[in-house]
Amino acid sequence: MVDIHPDVDAFETIPDELFVRFIQVAAGAIFAYDVLLNLDVEIDYVWAALNPRKRPMKRATVLNLIYLVQRYLPLWDRIILDTYYILGPSDTESCATIYKMSAWSTIIGIHLSEYILAMRIWAVWLNIPSVLVVLVALALPCSIPSLVFFVKFVGGIQCPEFHMPGTLQFRGCFCSTENKDLYKSWIMLMVFDTVGFILMAIPGFTAYRGGGRSNLVKVVYRDGVMYYAALFTASLINVVFILQLPVTRVS
């Protein structure tokens, strides 16, 4: 058990930890709202496609399963684990375990999402083998260093306990990290998303020049390009925030 005595440096981290808790609650609320907003569409087009009576198991079904895993994985880390993190016991071992479980759940969800988007790129290139080679050759040098930096970041997590006799005890966990190596993982993700944006834009631009104006073309190409642009922007914002914010707010 790690005790933090009532010194100035320890107490200065409390406002940052409370700020992180507010962000966690907001993220969980946004996720729940988004699930409810699109639940009817997912039931009709994703869940229904998994019915074995309608279709045999094939690649499209596997992609649907991967989609559902990455779609509802935040239910585990952003709601269940975060609730336990905020309201549960505050001992060092439990807090560190919950924090690391949530962190790994997040990184797995991100990689599954990138896999789905990569398969979308390969599909719009009509499953050309050379494009698949490019995607794999790009994914490996981006994902492996990203995981290395992530492991280093998680290894620096500390979850001390606040024991102040005669005062109101804090509930839940107050964790922080010793480093900001997480921004390097986001940079690796930005590299992959930049190339993905280009690979999606090339056939999209060609389709528009060829007179493709159907709703299918707009959804497949326009939305695909917008997804990668949004992912790049989100990664860039994360990098900026991590570098600018104090280390106690990096989570």
C-alpha atoms as a PDB file:
ATOM      1  CA  MET A   1       0.000   0.000   0.000  1.00  0.00           C
ATOM      2  CA  VAL A   2       1.331   3.419  -0.950  1.00  0.00           C
ATOM      3  CA  ASP A   3       0.444   6.313   1.307  1.00  0.00           C
ATOM      4  CA  ILE A   4       0.613   9.930   0.245  1.00  0.00           C
ATOM      5  CA  HIS A   5       1.216  12.230   3.146  1.00  0.00           C
ATOM      6  CA  PRO A   6      -0.457  15.642   3.172  1.00  0.00           C
ATOM      7  CA  ASP A   7       2.227  17.607   1.401  1.00  0.00           C
ATOM      8  CA  VAL A   8       1.688  20.324  -1.167  1.00  0.00           C
ATOM      9  CA  ASP A   9       2.798  18.343  -4.202  1.00  0.00           C
ATOM     10  CA  ALA A  10       0.355  15.517  -3.492  1.00  0.00           C
ATOM     11  CA  PHE A  11      -2.638  17.789  -3.080  1.00  0.00           C
ATOM     12  CA  GLU A  12      -1.850  19.717  -6.235  1.00  0.00           C
ATOM     13  CA  THR A  13      -2.612  16.607  -8.288  1.00  0.00           C
ATOM     14  CA  ILE A  14      -6.159  16.244  -6.923  1.00  0.00           C
ATOM     15  CA  PRO A  15      -7.785  18.951  -9.152  1.00  0.00           C
ATOM     16  CA  ASP A  16      -6.206  17.337 -12.225  1.00  0.00           C
ATOM     17  CA  GLU A  17      -7.496  13.917 -11.217  1.00  0.00           C
ATOM     18  CA  LEU A  18     -10.998  15.332 -10.665  1.00  0.00           C
ATOM     19  CA  PHE A  19     -10.819  16.940 -14.115  1.00  0.00           C
ATOM     20  CA  VAL A  20      -9.964  13.538 -15.616  1.00  0.00           C
ATOM     21  CA  ARG A  21     -12.999  12.064 -13.844  1.00  0.00           C
ATOM     22  CA  PHE A  22     -15.281  14.679 -15.388  1.00  0.00           C
ATOM     23  CA  ILE A  23     -13.890  13.807 -18.840  1.00  0.00           C
ATOM     24  CA  GLN A  24     -14.487  10.095 -18.195  1.00  0.00           C
ATOM     25  CA  VAL A  25     -18.116  10.701 -17.237  1.00  0.00           C
ATOM     26  CA  ALA A  26     -18.652  12.896 -20.301  1.00  0.00           C
ATOM     27  CA  ALA A  27     -17.079  10.285 -22.598  1.00  0.00           C
ATOM     28  CA  GLY A  28     -19.333   7.570 -21.177  1.00  0.00           C
ATOM     29  CA  ALA A  29     -22.442   9.711 -21.657  1.00  0.00           C
ATOM     30  CA  ILE A  30     -21.513  10.519 -25.276  1.00  0.00           C
ATOM     31  CA  PHE A  31     -20.878   6.846 -26.019  1.00  0.00           C
ATOM     32  CA  ALA A  32     -24.237   5.790 -24.519  1.00  0.00           C
ATOM     33  CA  TYR A  33     -26.026   8.480 -26.533  1.00  0.00           C
ATOM     34  CA  ASP A  34     -24.311   7.389 -29.755  1.00  0.00           C
ATOM     35  CA  VAL A  35     -25.236   3.737 -29.180  1.00  0.00           C
ATOM     36  CA  LEU A  36     -28.892   4.600 -28.638  1.00  0.00           C
ATOM     37  CA  LEU A  37     -28.855   6.920 -31.652  1.00  0.00           C
ATOM     38  CA  ASN A  38     -27.743   4.178 -34.053  1.00  0.00           C
ATOM     39  CA  LEU A  39     -29.071   1.073 -32.337  1.00  0.00           C
ATOM     40  CA  ASP A  40     -31.978   0.517 -34.732  1.00  0.00           C
ATOM     41  CA  VAL A  41     -29.691   0.684 -37.772  1.00  0.00           C
ATOM     42  CA  GLU A  42     -27.194  -1.729 -36.207  1.00  0.00           C
ATOM     43  CA  ILE A  43     -29.941  -4.200 -35.346  1.00  0.00           C
ATOM     44  CA  ASP A  44     -31.278  -4.139 -38.926  1.00  0.00           C
ATOM     45  CA  TYR A  45     -27.975  -4.285 -40.813  1.00  0.00           C
ATOM     46  CA  VAL A  46     -25.340  -5.738 -38.470  1.00  0.00           C
ATOM     47  CA  TRP A  47     -26.994  -7.940 -35.882  1.00  0.00           C
ATOM     48  CA  ALA A  48     -29.428  -9.363 -38.446  1.00  0.00           C
ATOM     49  CA  ALA A  49     -26.526 -10.278 -40.730  1.00  0.00           C
ATOM     50  CA  LEU A  50     -25.157 -12.592 -38.028  1.00  0.00           C
ATOM     51  CA  ASN A  51     -28.234 -14.818 -38.125  1.00  0.00           C
ATOM     52  CA  PRO A  52     -26.880 -18.255 -39.203  1.00  0.00           C
ATOM     53  CA  ARG A  53     -30.235 -19.099 -40.769  1.00  0.00           C
ATOM     54  CA  LYS A  54     -29.843 -16.275 -43.278  1.00  0.00           C
ATOM     55  CA  ARG A  55     -26.218 -16.664 -44.333  1.00  0.00           C
ATOM     56  CA  PRO A  56     -23.270 -18.987 -43.708  1.00  0.00           C
ATOM     57  CA  MET A  57     -20.133 -17.811 -41.950  1.00  0.00           C
ATOM     58  CA  LYS A  58     -17.912 -15.857 -44.338  1.00  0.00           C
ATOM     59  CA  ARG A  59     -15.644 -12.811 -44.441  1.00  0.00           C
ATOM     60  CA  ALA A  60     -18.481 -10.289 -44.281  1.00  0.00           C
ATOM     61  CA  THR A  61     -19.837 -12.000 -41.164  1.00  0.00           C
ATOM     62  CA  VAL A  62     -16.394 -11.935 -39.532  1.00  0.00           C
ATOM     63  CA  LEU A  63     -16.139  -8.216 -40.234  1.00  0.00           C
ATOM     64  CA  ASN A  64     -19.548  -7.720 -38.639  1.00  0.00           C
ATOM     65  CA  LEU A  65     -18.327  -9.531 -35.533  1.00  0.00           C
ATOM     66  CA  ILE A  66     -15.189  -7.389 -35.397  1.00  0.00           C
ATOM     67  CA  TYR A  67     -17.324  -4.298 -35.847  1.00  0.00           C
ATOM     68  CA  LEU A  68     -19.560  -5.255 -32.919  1.00  0.00           C
ATOM     69  CA  VAL A  69     -16.569  -5.991 -30.684  1.00  0.00           C
ATOM     70  CA  GLN A  70     -14.929  -2.637 -31.333  1.00  0.00           C
ATOM     71  CA  ARG A  71     -18.305  -0.903 -31.238  1.00  0.00           C
ATOM     72  CA  TYR A  72     -19.320  -2.150 -27.800  1.00  0.00           C
ATOM     73  CA  LEU A  73     -15.875  -2.450 -26.241  1.00  0.00           C
ATOM     74  CA  PRO A  74     -16.239   1.118 -24.857  1.00  0.00           C
ATOM     75  CA  LEU A  75     -19.231  -0.178 -22.882  1.00  0.00           C
ATOM     76  CA  TRP A  76     -16.675  -2.169 -20.900  1.00  0.00           C
ATOM     77  CA  ASP A  77     -13.953   0.447 -20.431  1.00  0.00           C
ATOM     78  CA  ARG A  78     -15.778   3.790 -20.719  1.00  0.00           C
ATOM     79  CA  ILE A  79     -18.756   2.862 -18.528  1.00  0.00           C
ATOM     80  CA  ILE A  80     -18.176  -0.273 -16.435  1.00  0.00           C
ATOM     81  CA  LEU A  81     -14.465   0.138 -15.683  1.00  0.00           C
ATOM     82  CA  ASP A  82     -14.656   3.920 -15.373  1.00  0.00           C
ATOM     83  CA  THR A  83     -17.546   3.631 -12.913  1.00  0.00           C
ATOM     84  CA  TYR A  84     -15.513   1.216 -10.822  1.00  0.00           C
ATOM     85  CA  TYR A  85     -12.502   3.518 -11.175  1.00  0.00           C
ATOM     86  CA  ILE A  86     -14.457   6.507  -9.846  1.00  0.00           C
ATOM     87  CA  LEU A  87     -16.613   4.853  -7.184  1.00  0.00           C
ATOM     88  CA  GLY A  88     -14.794   1.658  -6.289  1.00  0.00           C
ATOM     89  CA  PRO A  89     -12.034   0.881  -3.796  1.00  0.00           C
ATOM     90  CA  SER A  90      -8.978   3.110  -3.735  1.00  0.00           C
ATOM     91  CA  ASP A  91      -6.218   0.616  -2.950  1.00  0.00           C
ATOM     92  CA  THR A  92      -3.175   0.854  -5.173  1.00  0.00           C
ATOM     93  CA  GLU A  93      -3.313  -2.647  -6.660  1.00  0.00           C
ATOM     94  CA  SER A  94      -6.996  -2.519  -7.646  1.00  0.00           C
ATOM     95  CA  CYS A  95      -6.695   0.971  -9.131  1.00  0.00           C
ATOM     96  CA  ALA A  96      -3.612   0.105 -11.184  1.00  0.00           C
ATOM     97  CA  THR A  97      -5.320  -3.044 -12.501  1.00  0.00           C
ATOM     98  CA  ILE A  98      -8.493  -1.180 -13.488  1.00  0.00           C
ATOM     99  CA  TYR A  99      -6.527   1.612 -15.160  1.00  0.00           C
ATOM    100  CA  LYS A 100      -4.436  -0.824 -17.198  1.00  0.00           C
ATOM    101  CA  MET A 101      -7.478  -2.891 -18.188  1.00  0.00           C
ATOM    102  CA  SER A 102      -9.201   0.257 -19.437  1.00  0.00           C
ATOM    103  CA  ALA A 103      -6.078   1.399 -21.283  1.00  0.00           C
ATOM    104  CA  TRP A 104      -5.611  -1.932 -23.057  1.00  0.00           C
ATOM    105  CA  SER A 105      -9.299  -2.105 -23.914  1.00  0.00           C
ATOM    106  CA  THR A 106      -8.996   1.296 -25.567  1.00  0.00           C
ATOM    107  CA  ILE A 107      -5.922   0.418 -27.617  1.00  0.00           C
ATOM    108  CA  ILE A 108      -7.494  -2.875 -28.760  1.00  0.00           C
ATOM    109  CA  GLY A 109     -10.628  -1.036 -29.848  1.00  0.00           C
ATOM    110  CA  ILE A 110      -8.586   1.497 -31.814  1.00  0.00           C
ATOM    111  CA  HIS A 111      -6.648  -1.224 -33.641  1.00  0.00           C
ATOM    112  CA  LEU A 112      -9.843  -3.127 -34.472  1.00  0.00           C
ATOM    113  CA  SER A 113     -11.354   0.077 -35.867  1.00  0.00           C
ATOM    114  CA  GLU A 114      -8.274   0.671 -37.999  1.00  0.00           C
ATOM    115  CA  TYR A 115      -8.489  -2.895 -39.285  1.00  0.00           C
ATOM    116  CA  ILE A 116     -12.083  -2.368 -40.409  1.00  0.00           C
ATOM    117  CA  LEU A 117     -11.183   0.883 -42.164  1.00  0.00           C
ATOM    118  CA  ALA A 118      -8.199  -0.795 -43.822  1.00  0.00           C
ATOM    119  CA  MET A 119     -10.486  -3.534 -45.156  1.00  0.00           C
ATOM    120  CA  ARG A 120     -12.742  -0.789 -46.499  1.00  0.00           C
ATOM    121  CA  ILE A 121      -9.804   0.693 -48.387  1.00  0.00           C
ATOM    122  CA  TRP A 122      -8.937  -2.678 -49.852  1.00  0.00           C
ATOM    123  CA  ALA A 123     -12.564  -3.140 -50.907  1.00  0.00           C
ATOM    124  CA  VAL A 124     -12.747   0.174 -52.780  1.00  0.00           C
ATOM    125  CA  TRP A 125      -9.539  -0.838 -54.583  1.00  0.00           C
ATOM    126  CA  LEU A 126     -11.416  -3.986 -55.688  1.00  0.00           C
ATOM    127  CA  ASN A 127      -9.290  -6.287 -53.502  1.00  0.00           C
ATOM    128  CA  ILE A 128      -6.131  -5.699 -55.504  1.00  0.00           C
ATOM    129  CA  PRO A 129      -3.359  -7.779 -53.849  1.00  0.00           C
ATOM    130  CA  SER A 130      -0.759  -5.013 -54.164  1.00  0.00           C
ATOM    131  CA  VAL A 131      -2.945  -2.653 -52.120  1.00  0.00           C
ATOM    132  CA  LEU A 132      -3.259  -5.291 -49.399  1.00  0.00           C
ATOM    133  CA  VAL A 133       0.542  -5.584 -49.378  1.00  0.00           C
ATOM    134  CA  VAL A 134       0.828  -1.812 -48.966  1.00  0.00           C
ATOM    135  CA  LEU A 135      -1.644  -1.821 -46.077  1.00  0.00           C
ATOM    136  CA  VAL A 136       0.130  -4.655 -44.273  1.00  0.00           C
ATOM    137  CA  ALA A 137       3.561  -3.114 -44.916  1.00  0.00           C
ATOM    138  CA  LEU A 138       2.275   0.143 -43.453  1.00  0.00           C
ATOM    139  CA  ALA A 139       0.367  -1.345 -40.527  1.00  0.00           C
ATOM    140  CA  LEU A 140       3.263  -3.327 -39.073  1.00  0.00           C
ATOM    141  CA  PRO A 141       5.820  -0.490 -38.756  1.00  0.00           C
ATOM    142  CA  CYS A 142       3.096   1.765 -37.350  1.00  0.00           C
ATOM    143  CA  SER A 143       1.358  -0.602 -34.939  1.00  0.00           C
ATOM    144  CA  ILE A 144       4.426  -2.272 -33.427  1.00  0.00           C
ATOM    145  CA  PRO A 145       6.168   0.973 -32.311  1.00  0.00           C
ATOM    146  CA  SER A 146       2.776   2.286 -31.233  1.00  0.00           C
ATOM    147  CA  LEU A 147       2.328  -0.692 -28.904  1.00  0.00           C
ATOM    148  CA  VAL A 148       5.878  -0.319 -27.581  1.00  0.00           C
ATOM    149  CA  PHE A 149       5.274   3.333 -26.661  1.00  0.00           C
ATOM    150  CA  PHE A 150       1.912   2.396 -25.179  1.00  0.00           C
ATOM    151  CA  VAL A 151       3.431  -0.312 -22.978  1.00  0.00           C
ATOM    152  CA  LYS A 152       6.019   2.187 -21.751  1.00  0.00           C
ATOM    153  CA  PHE A 153       3.261   4.676 -20.977  1.00  0.00           C
ATOM    154  CA  VAL A 154       1.196   2.102 -19.065  1.00  0.00           C
ATOM    155  CA  GLY A 155       4.319   1.014 -17.187  1.00  0.00           C
ATOM    156  CA  GLY A 156       4.643   4.512 -15.740  1.00  0.00           C
ATOM    157  CA  ILE A 157       1.160   4.526 -14.198  1.00  0.00           C
ATOM    158  CA  GLN A 158       1.037   5.160 -10.466  1.00  0.00           C
ATOM    159  CA  CYS A 159      -2.062   4.922  -8.274  1.00  0.00           C
ATOM    160  CA  PRO A 160      -1.143   6.046  -4.756  1.00  0.00           C
ATOM    161  CA  GLU A 161      -3.534   6.048  -1.840  1.00  0.00           C
ATOM    162  CA  PHE A 162      -4.477   9.176   0.081  1.00  0.00           C
ATOM    163  CA  HIS A 163      -4.557   8.577   3.835  1.00  0.00           C
ATOM    164  CA  MET A 164      -5.199  11.728   5.836  1.00  0.00           C
ATOM    165  CA  PRO A 165      -6.212  11.044   9.433  1.00  0.00           C
ATOM    166  CA  GLY A 166      -9.155  13.088  10.633  1.00  0.00           C
ATOM    167  CA  THR A 167     -10.246  14.136   7.149  1.00  0.00           C
ATOM    168  CA  LEU A 168     -12.791  12.913   4.624  1.00  0.00           C
ATOM    169  CA  GLN A 169     -11.308  10.022   2.691  1.00  0.00           C
ATOM    170  CA  PHE A 170     -11.315  10.046  -1.106  1.00  0.00           C
ATOM    171  CA  ARG A 171     -13.285   7.359  -2.905  1.00  0.00           C
ATOM    172  CA  GLY A 172     -12.172   5.714  -6.101  1.00  0.00           C
ATOM    173  CA  CYS A 173      -8.817   5.904  -7.807  1.00  0.00           C
ATOM    174  CA  PHE A 174      -6.399   8.738  -8.417  1.00  0.00           C
ATOM    175  CA  CYS A 175      -3.900   7.547 -11.001  1.00  0.00           C
ATOM    176  CA  SER A 176      -1.272   9.423 -12.953  1.00  0.00           C
ATOM    177  CA  THR A 177       1.653   8.528 -15.165  1.00  0.00           C
ATOM    178  CA  GLU A 178       5.335   9.364 -15.072  1.00  0.00           C
ATOM    179  CA  ASN A 179       5.693   9.973 -18.815  1.00  0.00           C
ATOM    180  CA  LYS A 180       3.942  11.292 -21.899  1.00  0.00           C
ATOM    181  CA  ASP A 181       4.984   8.531 -24.301  1.00  0.00           C
ATOM    182  CA  LEU A 182       1.351   8.080 -25.268  1.00  0.00           C
ATOM    183  CA  TYR A 183       1.672  10.952 -27.757  1.00  0.00           C
ATOM    184  CA  LYS A 184       4.143   8.853 -29.763  1.00  0.00           C
ATOM    185  CA  SER A 185       1.488   6.168 -30.186  1.00  0.00           C
ATOM    186  CA  TRP A 186      -0.909   8.788 -31.530  1.00  0.00           C
ATOM    187  CA  ILE A 187       1.750   9.985 -33.989  1.00  0.00           C
ATOM    188  CA  MET A 188       2.103   6.439 -35.331  1.00  0.00           C
ATOM    189  CA  LEU A 189      -1.666   6.340 -35.743  1.00  0.00           C
ATOM    190  CA  MET A 190      -1.561   9.667 -37.603  1.00  0.00           C
ATOM    191  CA  VAL A 191       0.954   8.237 -40.091  1.00  0.00           C
ATOM    192  CA  PHE A 192      -1.299   5.280 -40.848  1.00  0.00           C
ATOM    193  CA  ASP A 193      -4.395   7.471 -41.130  1.00  0.00           C
ATOM    194  CA  THR A 194      -2.627   9.888 -43.480  1.00  0.00           C
ATOM    195  CA  VAL A 195      -1.764   7.107 -45.924  1.00  0.00           C
ATOM    196  CA  GLY A 196      -5.257   5.671 -45.491  1.00  0.00           C
ATOM    197  CA  PHE A 197      -6.719   9.072 -46.351  1.00  0.00           C
ATOM    198  CA  ILE A 198      -4.657   9.186 -49.552  1.00  0.00           C
ATOM    199  CA  LEU A 199      -5.541   5.627 -50.549  1.00  0.00           C
ATOM    200  CA  MET A 200      -9.232   6.347 -50.019  1.00  0.00           C
ATOM    201  CA  ALA A 201      -9.108   9.699 -51.821  1.00  0.00           C
ATOM    202  CA  ILE A 202      -7.459   8.393 -55.007  1.00  0.00           C
ATOM    203  CA  PRO A 203     -10.294   6.048 -56.129  1.00  0.00           C
ATOM    204  CA  GLY A 204     -12.848   8.506 -54.764  1.00  0.00           C
ATOM    205  CA  PHE A 205     -11.487  11.328 -56.898  1.00  0.00           C
ATOM    206  CA  THR A 206     -11.361   9.017 -59.908  1.00  0.00           C
ATOM    207  CA  ALA A 207     -14.996   7.985 -59.356  1.00  0.00           C
ATOM    208  CA  TYR A 208     -16.157  11.592 -59.140  1.00  0.00           C
ATOM    209  CA  ARG A 209     -14.242  12.537 -62.284  1.00  0.00           C
ATOM    210  CA  GLY A 210     -15.861   9.603 -64.046  1.00  0.00           C
ATOM    211  CA  GLY A 211     -19.298  10.985 -63.262  1.00  0.00           C
ATOM    212  CA  GLY A 212     -20.113   8.852 -60.248  1.00  0.00           C
ATOM    213  CA  ARG A 213     -22.750  10.727 -58.298  1.00  0.00           C
ATOM    214  CA  SER A 214     -24.835   7.897 -56.889  1.00  0.00           C
ATOM    215  CA  ASN A 215     -25.606   7.666 -53.202  1.00  0.00           C
ATOM    216  CA  LEU A 216     -23.432   4.547 -52.951  1.00  0.00           C
ATOM    217  CA  VAL A 217     -20.422   6.385 -54.362  1.00  0.00           C
ATOM    218  CA  LYS A 218     -20.994   9.284 -52.000  1.00  0.00           C
ATOM    219  CA  VAL A 219     -21.282   7.033 -48.954  1.00  0.00           C
ATOM    220  CA  VAL A 220     -18.334   4.773 -49.771  1.00  0.00           C
ATOM    221  CA  TYR A 221     -15.825   7.388 -50.909  1.00  0.00           C
ATOM    222  CA  ARG A 222     -16.941  10.645 -49.312  1.00  0.00           C
ATOM    223  CA  ASP A 223     -17.606   9.146 -45.895  1.00  0.00           C
ATOM    224  CA  GLY A 224     -14.440   7.053 -46.071  1.00  0.00           C
ATOM    225  CA  VAL A 225     -12.335  10.140 -46.715  1.00  0.00           C
ATOM    226  CA  MET A 226     -14.152  12.014 -43.960  1.00  0.00           C
ATOM    227  CA  TYR A 227     -13.520   9.182 -41.489  1.00  0.00           C
ATOM    228  CA  TYR A 228      -9.778   9.304 -42.063  1.00  0.00           C
ATOM    229  CA  ALA A 229      -9.720  13.094 -41.936  1.00  0.00           C
ATOM    230  CA  ALA A 230     -11.601  12.976 -38.618  1.00  0.00           C
ATOM    231  CA  LEU A 231      -9.262  10.317 -37.223  1.00  0.00           C
ATOM    232  CA  PHE A 232      -6.205  12.331 -38.212  1.00  0.00           C
ATOM    233  CA  THR A 233      -7.669  15.436 -36.586  1.00  0.00           C
ATOM    234  CA  ALA A 234      -8.541  13.542 -33.393  1.00  0.00           C
ATOM    235  CA  SER A 235      -5.025  12.076 -33.206  1.00  0.00           C
ATOM    236  CA  LEU A 236      -3.481  15.505 -33.755  1.00  0.00           C
ATOM    237  CA  ILE A 237      -5.626  16.992 -30.979  1.00  0.00           C
ATOM    238  CA  ASN A 238      -4.550  14.184 -28.646  1.00  0.00           C
ATOM    239  CA  VAL A 239      -0.884  14.827 -29.424  1.00  0.00           C
ATOM    240  CA  VAL A 240      -1.234  18.558 -28.786  1.00  0.00           C
ATOM    241  CA  PHE A 241      -3.152  18.063 -25.552  1.00  0.00           C
ATOM    242  CA  ILE A 242      -0.727  15.457 -24.217  1.00  0.00           C
ATOM    243  CA  LEU A 243       2.258  17.696 -24.911  1.00  0.00           C
ATOM    244  CA  GLN A 244       0.629  20.828 -23.499  1.00  0.00           C
ATOM    245  CA  LEU A 245      -1.262  19.505 -20.463  1.00  0.00           C
ATOM    246  CA  PRO A 246       0.460  18.549 -17.212  1.00  0.00           C
ATOM    247  CA  VAL A 247       1.364  14.895 -16.917  1.00  0.00           C
ATOM    248  CA  THR A 248      -1.307  14.416 -14.217  1.00  0.00           C
ATOM    249  CA  ARG A 249      -4.020  15.004 -16.850  1.00  0.00           C
ATOM    250  CA  VAL A 250      -2.642  12.531 -19.380  1.00  0.00           C
ATOM    251  CA  SER A 251      -4.805   9.388 -19.320  1.00  0.00           C
END
